[in-house]
Amino acid sequence: MTPPPPDARRDNRSREPDRRAPRGADILHDPRLNRGTAFSEEEREALGLRGLLPPRVFTQEEQVRRILANLRRLEERPLDQYLYLIDLLDRNEQLFYRTVIDNLPALLPVLYTPTVGEACRQFGLIFRRPRGLYVSARDRGRIRELLRNWPQRNVAVVVATDGERILGLGDLGAHGMGIAIGKLMLYTACGGLSPSRGLPVMLDVGTDNETLRSAPQYIGLPQPRLRGPAYLELVDEFIEAVEEVFPGALIQFEDFGTPNAFALLARYRERARMFNDDIQGTAAVVVAGLLTAGRLTGTPLRAQRVLFVGAGVAVGAADLLTAALVREGLTEVEARRHSWFFDRDGLLVAARSALPAYPLPYAHTHPPEPDLVAAVRALRPTALIGLSGQGGLFTESVLRAMGEINPRPIVFAMSNPTICAECTAEAAHRVTDGRVLYASGSPTAPVDWRGRPRAVGQANNAYVFPGVGLAVVAARLPRITDPMFLAAAEALAGAVLPAELDRGAVYPAINRLREVAVRVAEAVVTEATRELQGVPSAEELSAAIREQLYQPSYPSLSPGGPGLLAEDELPS
């Protein structure tokens, strides 16, 4: 394998040099270099910091304890915790990531779902400083110029959204930038991508949320959404600009409206290094959960019948399940009969008119069923997967029907944030007498069932996309295919430990996300070796992954020390 270029091995500070070694307040005002009270006596003397800091020197571990103490004071106000952490990121990047990596179970809900949903809702009010690029509908013809304004040249991952379908909250327009920022934080915390190698992008094409559009704090274009050919031309220009300005960068599409999500995936998947996390990442998480549930129930995948509630991005999960079943020997027609859909108009059946193209393969011949309980009783699914964005949709009657049909019903309430979950873990266990295999999209505390805690798995895409990105960056994969996502699903399912299974978990513990990302990356690249030419060997991949993994430690910044920036790495 050709070794990565020198700028890919550094800690991503390869901007144009200004030939001036940073000193004094310049260091304290650069979040990549600042370490606050952790500067040693020697560093303070050599770098002109004496007198600019309190005299006591703290270790990074002591600083982390101080951060956690402050967060505990704010634990009744998650949005304030989010803002406190963002302010820390703006001051001391390495301390931020050290704190997050060492405390993922506690801080993932703050930096991502469910709190990130509220952060997006309030984005115009809490906006501090830009943390990404805003490419608007007014920028057609000069997107390359905008991308060149980004200070880092060695971007490896671009997360782009147009804000039309933010979690289960709908169209939040430019305020959806919070999602792109949050995803890239997870790329670093879970996938080991160095922070400066990620670029969040908001494709601001307007918003159809009239309330938001007229709000004085709205930061985006106050106009209706761009649609049709003009929209596609803008996205085409963006894709081409990324490939030119950041050659080799992976593009992850995030939280696009469902019709655009499927259309853009079909448009670019064969000619760009890209994937859609809502369609393909969610699919891998769902299939992994079904595989793990099969280990607990002794039911093979080919014996599962899945009723998806919500006929949007869930279609991607049905497609991946179909691919898995075809690989087990079923025909494609037989495999598709294992997936059914229920949406706001009832059971999706062949007789329904005016269906979009993406769910059509799952519009089976069956009498219409407008009621979810009736659909469950008619179809007798082994698994009920909620991706509807409708909180409370799995009523006690629905859960009771699932429990009557199945010895161990599978219920995944995956809609985010928490207020959009189709049911709670407590209700699912209570109604099914503790027999349910339950997972939620947002973090949920264990359920105390008759004196025994039952783990609640989190069906979170953070188990998949950081590992996929790590594979693409480390192995320089030119394309990401559906079989690679199936390999990711199998790796995720295989990562669940026996002790976790004993507690009823269908996903690994959150504190194992970094370990899982490496397993997913290795599985994706192993699959890539079957499909693509020039993919590295397992040994080369392991070395490349180790080369990529970001570790937020404090090397020495003393002159001549290992942490001092080389002349061509100095920040401008």
Protein backbone atom coordinates (compact mmCIF):
# COMPACT_ATOMS: atom_id res chain seq x y z
CA MET A 1 0.00 0.00 0.00
CA THR A 2 1.31 3.43 -0.87
CA PRO A 3 2.04 5.29 2.39
CA PRO A 4 -0.24 8.23 3.16
CA PRO A 5 1.13 11.66 2.30
CA PRO A 6 3.02 13.39 5.11
CA ASP A 7 0.18 15.80 5.88
CA ALA A 8 -2.17 12.87 6.54
CA ARG A 9 0.12 11.59 9.31
CA ARG A 10 0.38 14.80 11.26
CA ASP A 11 -2.11 16.09 13.74
CA ASN A 12 -3.75 17.96 10.92
CA ARG A 13 -2.22 21.39 11.35
CA SER A 14 -0.95 21.64 7.78
CA ARG A 15 -2.16 25.11 6.92
CA GLU A 16 0.02 27.56 5.08
CA PRO A 17 2.90 28.46 7.44
CA ASP A 18 3.49 31.94 8.73
CA ARG A 19 7.07 30.97 9.80
CA ARG A 20 6.44 32.30 13.28
CA ALA A 21 6.62 29.99 16.28
CA PRO A 22 3.52 30.57 18.44
CA ARG A 23 4.20 32.10 21.85
CA GLY A 24 2.39 33.52 24.82
CA ALA A 25 -1.23 34.52 24.38
CA ASP A 26 -1.23 33.19 20.79
CA ILE A 27 -0.88 29.68 22.20
CA LEU A 28 -3.60 30.21 24.81
CA HIS A 29 -6.01 31.46 22.13
CA ASP A 30 -5.45 28.47 19.81
CA PRO A 31 -7.66 25.54 20.96
CA ARG A 32 -5.36 23.06 19.19
CA LEU A 33 -2.34 24.20 21.21
CA ASN A 34 -3.86 25.48 24.43
CA ARG A 35 -3.77 23.20 27.46
CA GLY A 36 -4.55 25.83 30.08
CA THR A 37 -3.27 25.03 33.56
CA ALA A 38 -1.54 21.85 32.32
CA PHE A 39 1.44 23.67 30.81
CA SER A 40 4.55 22.55 32.66
CA GLU A 41 6.96 24.96 34.36
CA GLU A 42 9.46 24.45 31.55
CA GLU A 43 6.85 25.10 28.85
CA ARG A 44 5.64 28.25 30.59
CA GLU A 45 9.17 29.59 30.72
CA ALA A 46 10.12 28.65 27.16
CA LEU A 47 6.87 29.72 25.50
CA GLY A 48 6.34 33.07 27.23
CA LEU A 49 3.39 31.87 29.33
CA ARG A 50 4.65 32.75 32.78
CA GLY A 51 2.27 35.18 34.43
CA LEU A 52 -0.49 34.46 31.89
CA LEU A 53 -1.64 31.42 33.88
CA PRO A 54 -2.26 30.71 37.57
CA PRO A 55 0.94 29.29 39.08
CA ARG A 56 -0.25 25.78 39.93
CA VAL A 57 0.31 23.09 37.27
CA PHE A 58 -2.45 20.50 36.81
CA THR A 59 -2.41 17.19 34.97
CA GLN A 60 -4.86 16.51 32.17
CA GLU A 61 -6.60 13.97 34.44
CA GLU A 62 -7.12 16.67 37.08
CA GLN A 63 -8.51 18.99 34.44
CA VAL A 64 -10.96 16.31 33.31
CA ARG A 65 -12.19 15.91 36.90
CA ARG A 66 -12.81 19.67 37.06
CA ILE A 67 -14.80 19.53 33.79
CA LEU A 68 -16.95 16.67 35.09
CA ALA A 69 -17.60 18.50 38.35
CA ASN A 70 -18.89 21.50 36.41
CA LEU A 71 -21.06 19.28 34.23
CA ARG A 72 -22.62 17.66 37.30
CA ARG A 73 -23.69 21.11 38.48
CA LEU A 74 -25.61 21.47 35.22
CA GLU A 75 -27.08 17.97 34.98
CA GLU A 76 -30.66 19.25 35.26
CA ARG A 77 -30.05 21.44 32.20
CA PRO A 78 -28.67 19.29 29.34
CA LEU A 79 -28.56 22.18 26.86
CA ASP A 80 -26.36 24.12 29.29
CA GLN A 81 -24.09 21.08 29.53
CA TYR A 82 -23.91 21.03 25.73
CA LEU A 83 -22.95 24.72 25.64
CA TYR A 84 -20.35 24.23 28.37
CA LEU A 85 -18.71 21.46 26.36
CA ILE A 86 -18.79 23.47 23.12
CA ASP A 87 -17.10 26.35 24.93
CA LEU A 88 -14.46 23.89 26.17
CA LEU A 89 -13.91 22.72 22.58
CA ASP A 90 -13.37 26.34 21.55
CA ARG A 91 -10.72 26.75 24.28
CA ASN A 92 -8.88 23.43 24.55
CA GLU A 93 -9.54 20.83 21.86
CA GLN A 94 -7.45 18.06 23.39
CA LEU A 95 -9.02 18.41 26.83
CA PHE A 96 -12.49 18.34 25.24
CA TYR A 97 -11.82 15.08 23.43
CA ARG A 98 -10.00 13.52 26.37
CA THR A 99 -13.06 14.23 28.52
CA VAL A 100 -15.50 12.89 25.93
CA ILE A 101 -13.55 9.73 25.04
CA ASP A 102 -13.09 8.77 28.69
CA ASN A 103 -16.77 9.44 29.53
CA LEU A 104 -18.71 8.41 26.41
CA PRO A 105 -21.75 6.86 28.17
CA ALA A 106 -22.35 10.07 30.14
CA LEU A 107 -21.48 12.60 27.44
CA LEU A 108 -22.81 11.03 24.23
CA PRO A 109 -26.39 12.00 25.21
CA VAL A 110 -25.19 15.57 25.78
CA LEU A 111 -23.27 16.01 22.54
CA TYR A 112 -25.58 13.91 20.41
CA THR A 113 -29.07 12.53 20.76
CA PRO A 114 -31.21 13.61 22.54
CA THR A 115 -29.66 16.98 23.48
CA VAL A 116 -28.40 17.81 19.99
CA GLY A 117 -32.04 17.97 18.88
CA GLU A 118 -32.72 20.80 21.30
CA ALA A 119 -29.42 22.43 20.32
CA CYS A 120 -30.59 22.45 16.69
CA ARG A 121 -33.97 23.88 17.66
CA GLN A 122 -32.20 26.70 19.51
CA PHE A 123 -29.24 27.01 17.14
CA GLY A 124 -29.89 30.62 16.18
CA LEU A 125 -29.98 31.67 19.83
CA ILE A 126 -26.95 29.68 21.01
CA PHE A 127 -24.75 30.36 17.95
CA ARG A 128 -21.26 31.30 19.20
CA ARG A 129 -18.86 30.94 16.31
CA PRO A 130 -18.91 29.08 13.00
CA ARG A 131 -17.63 25.51 13.23
CA GLY A 132 -18.17 24.60 9.58
CA LEU A 133 -18.99 25.95 6.14
CA TYR A 134 -22.33 27.39 5.03
CA VAL A 135 -22.93 26.88 1.31
CA SER A 136 -26.13 28.65 0.34
CA ALA A 137 -28.37 28.66 -2.69
CA ARG A 138 -26.88 32.06 -3.49
CA ASP A 139 -23.41 30.54 -3.92
CA ARG A 140 -23.94 28.65 -7.16
CA GLY A 141 -20.95 29.04 -9.43
CA ARG A 142 -18.46 29.71 -6.63
CA ILE A 143 -18.66 26.73 -4.26
CA ARG A 144 -15.03 25.83 -4.95
CA GLU A 145 -14.07 29.30 -3.77
CA LEU A 146 -16.04 28.81 -0.56
CA LEU A 147 -14.42 25.45 0.13
CA ARG A 148 -10.99 27.00 -0.30
CA ASN A 149 -11.83 29.41 2.50
CA TRP A 150 -11.68 26.47 4.92
CA PRO A 151 -8.32 26.76 6.73
CA GLN A 152 -7.39 23.05 6.59
CA ARG A 153 -6.28 21.43 3.36
CA ASN A 154 -6.17 17.76 4.41
CA VAL A 155 -9.88 17.24 5.06
CA ALA A 156 -10.72 13.53 5.04
CA VAL A 157 -14.45 13.49 5.92
CA VAL A 158 -17.18 15.96 4.97
CA VAL A 159 -20.55 15.65 6.71
CA ALA A 160 -23.19 17.57 4.77
CA THR A 161 -26.86 18.25 5.51
CA ASP A 162 -29.54 20.50 4.08
CA GLY A 163 -31.47 20.43 7.35
CA GLU A 164 -34.79 19.20 5.94
CA ARG A 165 -35.29 16.19 8.24
CA ILE A 166 -33.40 16.76 11.48
CA LEU A 167 -33.92 13.66 13.64
CA GLY A 168 -37.68 13.46 14.24
CA LEU A 169 -37.99 17.25 14.45
CA GLY A 170 -38.49 17.95 10.76
CA ASP A 171 -37.29 20.90 8.70
CA LEU A 172 -34.90 23.05 10.75
CA GLY A 173 -33.11 24.59 7.78
CA ALA A 174 -29.69 26.07 8.53
CA HIS A 175 -30.11 25.21 12.22
CA GLY A 176 -29.45 21.61 11.20
CA MET A 177 -25.75 22.47 11.16
CA GLY A 178 -25.70 21.19 14.75
CA ILE A 179 -26.16 17.65 13.40
CA ALA A 180 -23.17 17.87 11.03
CA ILE A 181 -21.01 19.26 13.84
CA GLY A 182 -22.16 16.52 16.21
CA LYS A 183 -21.48 13.72 13.73
CA LEU A 184 -17.90 14.89 13.25
CA MET A 185 -17.37 15.02 17.02
CA LEU A 186 -18.33 11.34 17.02
CA TYR A 187 -15.95 10.65 14.14
CA THR A 188 -13.18 11.80 16.46
CA ALA A 189 -14.45 10.44 19.77
CA CYS A 190 -15.50 7.03 18.37
CA GLY A 191 -13.62 6.62 15.10
CA GLY A 192 -10.34 8.30 16.00
CA LEU A 193 -10.41 10.85 13.16
CA SER A 194 -8.24 13.83 14.04
CA PRO A 195 -10.58 16.83 14.57
CA SER A 196 -9.11 19.03 11.87
CA ARG A 197 -9.68 16.34 9.23
CA GLY A 198 -13.46 16.76 9.46
CA LEU A 199 -15.55 19.44 7.77
CA PRO A 200 -19.24 20.09 8.63
CA VAL A 201 -21.21 21.63 5.76
CA MET A 202 -24.66 23.17 5.74
CA LEU A 203 -26.21 23.27 2.29
CA ASP A 204 -28.57 26.15 3.00
CA VAL A 205 -31.26 25.94 0.34
CA GLY A 206 -33.91 27.64 2.47
CA THR A 207 -36.59 26.13 4.68
CA ASP A 208 -40.29 25.36 4.34
CA ASN A 209 -40.72 25.79 8.10
CA GLU A 210 -42.59 29.11 7.98
CA THR A 211 -42.40 29.65 11.74
CA LEU A 212 -38.64 29.25 11.72
CA ARG A 213 -38.22 31.26 8.54
CA SER A 214 -39.90 34.29 10.10
CA ALA A 215 -38.12 33.99 13.46
CA PRO A 216 -35.72 36.91 14.11
CA GLN A 217 -33.00 34.52 15.39
CA TYR A 218 -33.03 32.29 12.29
CA ILE A 219 -29.51 32.31 10.79
CA GLY A 220 -30.27 30.80 7.38
CA LEU A 221 -31.79 32.02 4.13
CA PRO A 222 -35.34 33.19 4.98
CA GLN A 223 -36.84 31.73 1.81
CA PRO A 224 -38.71 28.59 0.72
CA ARG A 225 -36.60 25.55 -0.13
CA LEU A 226 -34.92 25.28 -3.47
CA ARG A 227 -36.40 22.34 -5.39
CA GLY A 228 -36.08 20.57 -8.71
CA PRO A 229 -33.23 21.00 -11.22
CA ALA A 230 -31.80 24.07 -9.47
CA TYR A 231 -31.39 22.03 -6.26
CA LEU A 232 -29.66 19.16 -8.07
CA GLU A 233 -27.35 21.58 -9.89
CA LEU A 234 -26.27 23.05 -6.56
CA VAL A 235 -25.55 19.60 -5.07
CA ASP A 236 -23.75 18.54 -8.26
CA GLU A 237 -21.48 21.56 -7.99
CA PHE A 238 -20.87 20.84 -4.30
CA ILE A 239 -19.86 17.21 -4.95
CA GLU A 240 -17.52 18.22 -7.77
CA ALA A 241 -16.02 21.02 -5.66
CA VAL A 242 -15.28 18.68 -2.74
CA GLU A 243 -13.58 16.21 -5.07
CA GLU A 244 -11.41 19.00 -6.49
CA VAL A 245 -10.56 20.94 -3.32
CA PHE A 246 -10.31 17.94 -0.96
CA PRO A 247 -9.39 15.02 -3.25
CA GLY A 248 -10.11 11.65 -1.67
CA ALA A 249 -12.45 13.04 1.01
CA LEU A 250 -15.45 10.97 2.06
CA ILE A 251 -18.83 12.74 1.87
CA GLN A 252 -21.50 11.67 4.36
CA PHE A 253 -25.04 12.87 3.65
CA GLU A 254 -27.05 13.48 6.80
CA ASP A 255 -30.71 14.30 7.53
CA PHE A 256 -31.90 15.13 4.03
CA GLY A 257 -35.63 14.87 3.34
CA THR A 258 -36.55 11.31 2.39
CA PRO A 259 -37.20 11.84 -1.37
CA ASN A 260 -33.95 13.78 -1.75
CA ALA A 261 -32.03 11.30 0.41
CA PHE A 262 -32.89 8.39 -1.90
CA ALA A 263 -32.51 10.45 -5.09
CA LEU A 264 -29.08 11.80 -4.14
CA LEU A 265 -27.82 8.38 -3.03
CA ALA A 266 -28.85 6.88 -6.36
CA ARG A 267 -27.31 9.84 -8.22
CA TYR A 268 -23.85 9.75 -6.63
CA ARG A 269 -23.18 6.32 -5.14
CA GLU A 270 -21.43 4.95 -8.24
CA ARG A 271 -19.37 8.05 -9.00
CA ALA A 272 -18.43 9.61 -5.66
CA ARG A 273 -16.89 8.52 -2.40
CA MET A 274 -20.09 9.01 -0.40
CA PHE A 275 -22.88 7.36 1.59
CA ASN A 276 -26.11 8.37 3.28
CA ASP A 277 -26.01 7.64 6.99
CA ASP A 278 -29.79 7.76 7.50
CA ILE A 279 -30.38 5.14 4.82
CA GLN A 280 -27.27 2.93 4.91
CA GLY A 281 -25.95 3.52 8.43
CA THR A 282 -29.39 3.00 9.96
CA ALA A 283 -29.79 -0.14 7.84
CA ALA A 284 -26.61 -1.65 9.26
CA VAL A 285 -27.70 -0.85 12.83
CA VAL A 286 -31.12 -2.47 12.29
CA VAL A 287 -29.73 -5.63 10.69
CA ALA A 288 -27.11 -5.92 13.43
CA GLY A 289 -29.84 -5.71 16.07
CA LEU A 290 -31.86 -8.42 14.32
CA LEU A 291 -28.80 -10.66 14.10
CA THR A 292 -28.09 -10.21 17.81
CA ALA A 293 -31.74 -10.77 18.71
CA GLY A 294 -31.55 -14.03 16.77
CA ARG A 295 -28.67 -15.13 19.01
CA LEU A 296 -30.89 -14.52 22.03
CA THR A 297 -33.99 -16.24 20.66
CA GLY A 298 -32.34 -18.95 18.60
CA THR A 299 -34.17 -17.61 15.54
CA PRO A 300 -32.22 -17.39 12.27
CA LEU A 301 -32.52 -14.26 10.15
CA ARG A 302 -34.51 -16.12 7.51
CA ALA A 303 -37.21 -16.83 10.12
CA GLN A 304 -37.70 -13.14 10.95
CA ARG A 305 -40.65 -11.16 9.67
CA VAL A 306 -40.19 -7.43 10.20
CA LEU A 307 -42.85 -4.74 10.31
CA PHE A 308 -41.26 -1.32 9.82
CA VAL A 309 -43.33 1.59 11.05
CA GLY A 310 -42.38 4.56 8.90
CA ALA A 311 -41.81 4.06 5.16
CA GLY A 312 -39.00 6.57 4.69
CA VAL A 313 -35.33 5.87 5.37
CA ALA A 314 -36.41 2.54 6.91
CA VAL A 315 -36.58 1.25 3.33
CA GLY A 316 -32.79 1.17 3.41
CA ALA A 317 -32.94 -1.27 6.32
CA ALA A 318 -35.35 -3.49 4.38
CA ASP A 319 -33.01 -3.40 1.39
CA LEU A 320 -30.04 -4.50 3.52
CA LEU A 321 -32.11 -7.22 5.20
CA THR A 322 -33.15 -8.40 1.73
CA ALA A 323 -29.50 -8.54 0.65
CA ALA A 324 -28.60 -10.56 3.75
CA LEU A 325 -31.41 -13.05 3.07
CA VAL A 326 -30.48 -13.40 -0.61
CA ARG A 327 -26.96 -14.26 0.50
CA GLU A 328 -28.50 -17.01 2.65
CA GLY A 329 -30.11 -18.55 -0.43
CA LEU A 330 -33.52 -16.88 -0.77
CA THR A 331 -34.63 -15.35 -4.03
CA GLU A 332 -35.00 -11.57 -4.01
CA VAL A 333 -38.80 -11.88 -4.20
CA GLU A 334 -38.84 -14.28 -1.24
CA ALA A 335 -36.45 -12.09 0.74
CA ARG A 336 -38.54 -8.95 0.25
CA ARG A 337 -41.59 -10.69 1.71
CA HIS A 338 -39.79 -10.65 5.06
CA SER A 339 -40.17 -6.83 5.23
CA TRP A 340 -43.49 -4.97 5.54
CA PHE A 341 -44.22 -1.29 6.06
CA PHE A 342 -46.84 0.69 7.94
CA ASP A 343 -47.08 4.48 7.57
CA ARG A 344 -49.58 7.27 8.19
CA ASP A 345 -51.90 5.76 5.56
CA GLY A 346 -51.81 2.28 7.05
CA LEU A 347 -50.22 -0.91 5.81
CA LEU A 348 -48.28 -0.35 2.61
CA VAL A 349 -49.89 -2.68 0.07
CA ALA A 350 -49.80 -3.19 -3.67
CA ALA A 351 -53.24 -1.67 -4.20
CA ARG A 352 -52.14 1.73 -2.85
CA SER A 353 -51.70 4.32 -5.60
CA ALA A 354 -49.12 7.09 -6.12
CA LEU A 355 -46.32 5.43 -4.18
CA PRO A 356 -42.77 6.77 -4.64
CA ALA A 357 -40.27 4.42 -6.23
CA TYR A 358 -38.18 3.52 -3.17
CA PRO A 359 -40.84 1.60 -1.14
CA LEU A 360 -42.52 -0.01 -4.17
CA PRO A 361 -40.68 -3.37 -3.86
CA TYR A 362 -42.27 -3.76 -0.41
CA ALA A 363 -45.84 -2.95 -1.42
CA HIS A 364 -47.04 -6.56 -1.10
CA THR A 365 -50.41 -7.98 -2.00
CA HIS A 366 -52.55 -7.85 1.15
CA PRO A 367 -55.85 -6.34 2.26
CA PRO A 368 -55.47 -2.75 3.51
CA GLU A 369 -54.98 -2.39 7.27
CA PRO A 370 -55.39 1.18 8.53
CA ASP A 371 -54.83 0.21 12.17
CA LEU A 372 -51.40 -0.78 13.54
CA VAL A 373 -52.76 -3.31 16.03
CA ALA A 374 -54.75 -5.00 13.25
CA ALA A 375 -51.65 -5.03 11.02
CA VAL A 376 -49.59 -6.69 13.76
CA ARG A 377 -52.24 -9.35 14.30
CA ALA A 378 -52.64 -9.97 10.56
CA LEU A 379 -48.93 -10.14 9.68
CA ARG A 380 -47.64 -11.71 12.92
CA PRO A 381 -44.21 -10.03 12.73
CA THR A 382 -41.34 -11.23 14.91
CA ALA A 383 -39.90 -7.69 15.00
CA LEU A 384 -41.47 -4.24 15.14
CA ILE A 385 -39.06 -1.48 14.07
CA GLY A 386 -40.06 2.13 14.72
CA LEU A 387 -38.57 4.80 12.44
CA SER A 388 -41.67 6.96 12.25
CA GLY A 389 -40.69 10.02 14.28
CA GLN A 390 -44.05 9.69 16.07
CA GLY A 391 -43.73 9.49 19.83
CA GLY A 392 -45.96 6.93 21.60
CA LEU A 393 -47.08 5.18 18.41
CA PHE A 394 -46.44 1.74 19.94
CA THR A 395 -49.35 1.79 22.36
CA GLU A 396 -49.99 -0.83 25.02
CA SER A 397 -52.38 -2.54 22.59
CA VAL A 398 -49.64 -2.79 19.96
CA LEU A 399 -47.09 -4.09 22.46
CA ARG A 400 -49.60 -6.56 23.89
CA ALA A 401 -50.28 -7.92 20.39
CA MET A 402 -46.55 -8.38 19.80
CA GLY A 403 -46.25 -10.21 23.13
CA GLU A 404 -49.16 -12.52 22.35
CA ILE A 405 -47.68 -13.49 18.99
CA ASN A 406 -44.05 -13.99 20.03
CA PRO A 407 -42.36 -15.74 22.98
CA ARG A 408 -39.71 -12.99 22.82
CA PRO A 409 -40.96 -10.06 20.73
CA ILE A 410 -38.38 -7.72 19.19
CA VAL A 411 -39.29 -4.05 19.54
CA PHE A 412 -36.92 -1.28 18.42
CA ALA A 413 -38.23 2.25 19.09
CA MET A 414 -35.53 4.04 17.09
CA SER A 415 -36.92 7.51 16.46
CA ASN A 416 -34.91 10.41 17.92
CA PRO A 417 -34.85 12.44 20.07
CA THR A 418 -36.45 10.78 23.12
CA ILE A 419 -39.76 12.65 22.72
CA CYS A 420 -40.15 10.98 19.31
CA ALA A 421 -39.57 7.39 20.53
CA GLU A 422 -42.45 5.07 19.60
CA CYS A 423 -42.55 3.63 23.13
CA THR A 424 -40.53 3.51 26.33
CA ALA A 425 -38.44 0.60 27.56
CA GLU A 426 -40.50 0.45 30.74
CA ALA A 427 -43.78 0.08 28.83
CA ALA A 428 -42.34 -2.58 26.50
CA HIS A 429 -41.11 -4.69 29.43
CA ARG A 430 -44.24 -4.21 31.53
CA VAL A 431 -46.73 -5.09 28.79
CA THR A 432 -44.77 -8.13 27.58
CA ASP A 433 -44.01 -9.40 31.09
CA GLY A 434 -40.31 -8.73 30.62
CA ARG A 435 -39.96 -10.93 27.52
CA VAL A 436 -39.26 -8.13 25.05
CA LEU A 437 -35.94 -7.57 23.30
CA TYR A 438 -35.99 -3.80 23.23
CA ALA A 439 -33.71 -1.14 21.81
CA SER A 440 -34.12 2.62 21.63
CA GLY A 441 -32.65 5.31 19.43
CA SER A 442 -31.71 7.52 22.36
CA PRO A 443 -29.87 6.44 25.52
CA THR A 444 -32.17 4.86 28.09
CA ALA A 445 -31.44 3.70 31.63
CA PRO A 446 -31.69 -0.04 32.36
CA VAL A 447 -35.14 -1.28 33.33
CA ASP A 448 -35.45 -2.84 36.76
CA TRP A 449 -37.53 -5.88 35.95
CA ARG A 450 -38.48 -7.82 39.09
CA GLY A 451 -35.27 -6.90 40.83
CA ARG A 452 -33.03 -7.65 37.87
CA PRO A 453 -31.72 -4.83 35.67
CA ARG A 454 -32.38 -5.32 31.97
CA ALA A 455 -30.02 -3.49 29.63
CA VAL A 456 -31.55 -1.24 27.00
CA GLY A 457 -29.56 -1.34 23.79
CA GLN A 458 -29.11 1.92 21.95
CA ALA A 459 -29.76 1.53 18.23
CA ASN A 460 -27.41 4.37 17.38
CA ASN A 461 -25.65 4.97 14.07
CA ALA A 462 -22.54 5.89 16.08
CA TYR A 463 -21.86 2.14 16.07
CA VAL A 464 -21.45 2.18 12.27
CA PHE A 465 -20.52 5.43 10.53
CA PRO A 466 -17.26 6.14 12.44
CA GLY A 467 -15.96 2.68 11.52
CA VAL A 468 -17.05 3.04 7.90
CA GLY A 469 -15.30 6.41 7.73
CA LEU A 470 -12.20 4.98 9.38
CA ALA A 471 -12.11 2.23 6.74
CA VAL A 472 -12.46 4.68 3.86
CA VAL A 473 -9.76 7.01 5.20
CA ALA A 474 -7.29 4.33 6.30
CA ALA A 475 -7.62 2.14 3.21
CA ARG A 476 -8.47 4.93 0.73
CA LEU A 477 -11.53 3.08 -0.54
CA PRO A 478 -12.85 4.67 -3.73
CA ARG A 479 -16.47 3.58 -3.14
CA ILE A 480 -18.73 2.39 -0.32
CA THR A 481 -21.09 -0.43 -1.31
CA ASP A 482 -24.08 -2.11 0.31
CA PRO A 483 -22.13 -5.35 0.94
CA MET A 484 -19.71 -3.25 2.99
CA PHE A 485 -22.61 -2.08 5.17
CA LEU A 486 -23.73 -5.68 5.56
CA ALA A 487 -20.20 -6.53 6.70
CA ALA A 488 -20.44 -3.62 9.16
CA ALA A 489 -23.73 -4.99 10.50
CA GLU A 490 -22.26 -8.45 11.02
CA ALA A 491 -19.20 -6.99 12.76
CA LEU A 492 -21.41 -4.92 15.06
CA ALA A 493 -23.56 -7.93 15.94
CA GLY A 494 -20.46 -10.02 16.55
CA ALA A 495 -19.10 -7.40 18.95
CA VAL A 496 -21.87 -7.98 21.53
CA LEU A 497 -20.30 -9.85 24.45
CA PRO A 498 -21.92 -12.85 26.20
CA ALA A 499 -22.25 -10.80 29.40
CA GLU A 500 -24.09 -8.10 27.45
CA LEU A 501 -26.40 -10.71 25.92
CA ASP A 502 -27.16 -12.05 29.41
CA ARG A 503 -28.47 -8.59 30.34
CA GLY A 504 -30.72 -8.51 27.28
CA ALA A 505 -28.60 -6.06 25.28
CA VAL A 506 -28.67 -6.32 21.49
CA TYR A 507 -25.84 -3.80 21.01
CA PRO A 508 -22.44 -3.40 22.71
CA ALA A 509 -22.01 -1.02 25.62
CA ILE A 510 -21.50 2.61 24.61
CA ASN A 511 -18.09 2.72 26.32
CA ARG A 512 -16.87 0.23 23.68
CA LEU A 513 -17.61 2.49 20.71
CA ARG A 514 -13.94 3.03 19.82
CA GLU A 515 -13.27 -0.70 19.89
CA VAL A 516 -16.37 -1.35 17.76
CA ALA A 517 -15.31 1.28 15.21
CA VAL A 518 -12.05 -0.59 14.60
CA ARG A 519 -13.91 -3.90 14.22
CA VAL A 520 -16.33 -2.33 11.76
CA ALA A 521 -13.47 -0.74 9.80
CA GLU A 522 -11.66 -4.07 9.53
CA ALA A 523 -14.82 -5.82 8.36
CA VAL A 524 -15.56 -3.15 5.76
CA VAL A 525 -12.04 -3.35 4.33
CA THR A 526 -12.14 -7.17 4.31
CA GLU A 527 -15.30 -6.94 2.22
CA ALA A 528 -13.67 -4.32 0.02
CA THR A 529 -10.85 -6.73 -0.83
CA ARG A 530 -13.46 -8.94 -2.48
CA GLU A 531 -14.88 -6.10 -4.57
CA LEU A 532 -12.09 -3.65 -5.31
CA GLN A 533 -8.54 -3.68 -6.61
CA GLY A 534 -5.62 -2.22 -4.64
CA VAL A 535 -7.15 -2.57 -1.17
CA PRO A 536 -4.46 -3.09 1.52
CA SER A 537 -3.79 -6.35 3.30
CA ALA A 538 -4.95 -6.91 6.88
CA GLU A 539 -1.47 -6.09 8.19
CA GLU A 540 -1.23 -2.89 6.17
CA LEU A 541 -4.74 -1.91 7.26
CA SER A 542 -3.95 -2.39 10.95
CA ALA A 543 -0.91 -0.14 10.59
CA ALA A 544 -2.93 2.45 8.67
CA ILE A 545 -5.69 2.45 11.31
CA ARG A 546 -3.16 2.91 14.09
CA GLU A 547 -1.66 5.78 12.10
CA GLN A 548 -5.08 7.45 11.86
CA LEU A 549 -6.26 7.12 15.46
CA TYR A 550 -6.27 10.47 17.21
CA GLN A 551 -5.17 10.47 20.84
CA PRO A 552 -5.88 13.72 22.74
CA SER A 553 -2.80 13.72 24.96
CA TYR A 554 -0.50 16.59 25.87
CA PRO A 555 2.95 16.12 24.29
CA SER A 556 5.66 18.56 25.27
CA LEU A 557 5.58 21.95 23.58
CA SER A 558 9.02 22.95 24.82
CA PRO A 559 11.45 23.98 22.08
CA GLY A 560 12.91 20.81 20.59
CA GLY A 561 10.31 18.64 22.33
CA PRO A 562 8.21 16.07 20.42
CA GLY A 563 5.07 18.20 20.54
CA LEU A 564 6.56 21.37 19.08
CA LEU A 565 5.06 22.13 15.70
CA ALA A 566 7.38 21.84 12.76
CA GLU A 567 7.90 25.00 10.75
CA ASP A 568 5.58 23.79 7.98
CA GLU A 569 2.88 22.87 10.50
CA LEU A 570 2.58 26.19 12.28
CA PRO A 571 -0.93 27.64 12.43
CA SER A 572 -1.36 30.91 10.61
